[in-house]
Protein backbone atom coordinates (compact mmCIF):
# COMPACT_ATOMS: atom_id res chain seq x y z
CA GLU A 1 0.00 0.00 0.00
CA ARG A 2 1.30 3.42 -0.88
CA GLY A 3 1.81 5.89 1.91
CA LYS A 4 -0.39 8.90 2.32
CA VAL A 5 0.58 12.10 0.54
CA PHE A 6 0.70 15.38 2.43
CA CYS A 7 1.11 19.02 1.45
CA PRO A 8 3.14 21.53 3.46
CA ASP A 9 1.35 24.29 5.35
CA PRO A 10 0.35 26.93 2.76
CA GLY A 11 0.33 29.58 5.48
CA ILE A 12 -2.20 32.20 6.40
CA PRO A 13 -1.95 35.60 4.70
CA ARG A 14 -1.96 38.72 6.85
CA ASP A 15 -5.49 39.71 7.92
CA ALA A 16 -6.92 36.38 6.76
CA GLU A 17 -8.47 33.32 8.36
CA ARG A 18 -8.81 29.78 7.06
CA VAL A 19 -10.95 26.71 7.63
CA LYS A 20 -10.96 23.23 6.13
CA SER A 21 -13.60 22.48 3.53
CA ASP A 22 -15.66 20.64 6.15
CA GLY A 23 -15.80 23.85 8.20
CA SER A 24 -13.36 22.72 10.89
CA ASP A 25 -10.69 25.07 12.17
CA ALA A 26 -7.45 24.98 10.19
CA SER A 27 -5.60 27.82 11.89
CA SER A 28 -3.24 25.53 13.78
CA THR A 29 -3.03 22.65 11.28
CA SER A 30 0.47 22.36 9.82
CA ILE A 31 0.14 19.51 7.31
CA PHE A 32 -2.72 18.58 5.04
CA GLU A 33 -3.51 15.26 3.42
CA ALA A 34 -4.03 14.95 -0.33
CA GLY A 35 -7.66 15.74 -1.12
CA GLU A 36 -8.08 18.15 1.77
CA SER A 37 -9.01 21.71 0.91
CA VAL A 38 -8.54 25.00 2.70
CA ILE A 39 -10.91 27.95 2.40
CA TYR A 40 -9.56 31.45 3.08
CA SER A 41 -11.49 34.55 4.03
CA CYS A 42 -10.40 38.08 4.82
CA LYS A 43 -11.10 39.94 8.03
CA GLY A 44 -13.16 43.13 8.03
CA ASP A 45 -13.78 44.81 4.68
CA LEU A 46 -10.60 43.62 3.02
CA LEU A 47 -10.85 42.02 -0.41
CA LEU A 48 -9.57 38.56 -1.23
CA GLN A 49 -7.17 38.60 -4.17
CA GLY A 50 -6.73 35.16 -5.67
CA LEU A 51 -8.57 31.90 -5.09
CA SER A 52 -10.28 31.41 -1.73
CA PHE A 53 -10.36 27.61 -2.12
CA ILE A 54 -7.16 25.59 -2.59
CA THR A 55 -6.75 21.82 -2.55
CA CYS A 56 -3.84 19.56 -1.60
CA LYS A 57 -3.14 17.50 -4.72
CA SER A 58 -2.00 13.88 -4.95
CA ASP A 59 1.55 14.98 -5.85
CA GLY A 60 1.96 16.90 -2.59
CA THR A 61 1.50 20.36 -4.06
CA TRP A 62 -1.34 22.87 -3.72
CA SER A 63 -3.77 23.51 -6.57
CA SER A 64 -3.00 27.24 -6.37
CA SER A 65 -0.93 29.62 -4.32
CA ARG A 66 -2.61 31.13 -1.29
CA PRO A 67 -4.57 34.36 -1.80
CA GLN A 68 -3.88 37.76 -0.27
CA CYS A 69 -6.12 40.24 1.50
CA ILE A 70 -5.98 43.74 0.08
CA ARG A 71 -7.67 47.02 0.85
CA SER A 72 -10.20 48.39 -1.60
CA ARG A 73 -9.73 51.95 -2.78
CA GLY A 74 -13.09 53.64 -3.07
CA ASN A 75 -15.24 51.80 -5.58
CA LYS A 76 -12.28 50.76 -7.73
CA TYR A 77 -10.51 47.51 -7.06
CA TYR A 78 -6.78 47.16 -7.67
């Protein structure tokens, strides 16, 4: 039987929070098994830049890099 595959901690961007796709807390989790997903959200009125949902793939890498939280400037988004 092949061993389980894990992805390294993708980190938490500044002013962001994360949970696992099942809604459980992921703030202190440091390794993730292949197939597990992380959902990011920004605190306050900051905007999420990038994908909010990333998945640990079977090759031990993440489906996307983690997003960032950025400030909006008026009604224009940069």
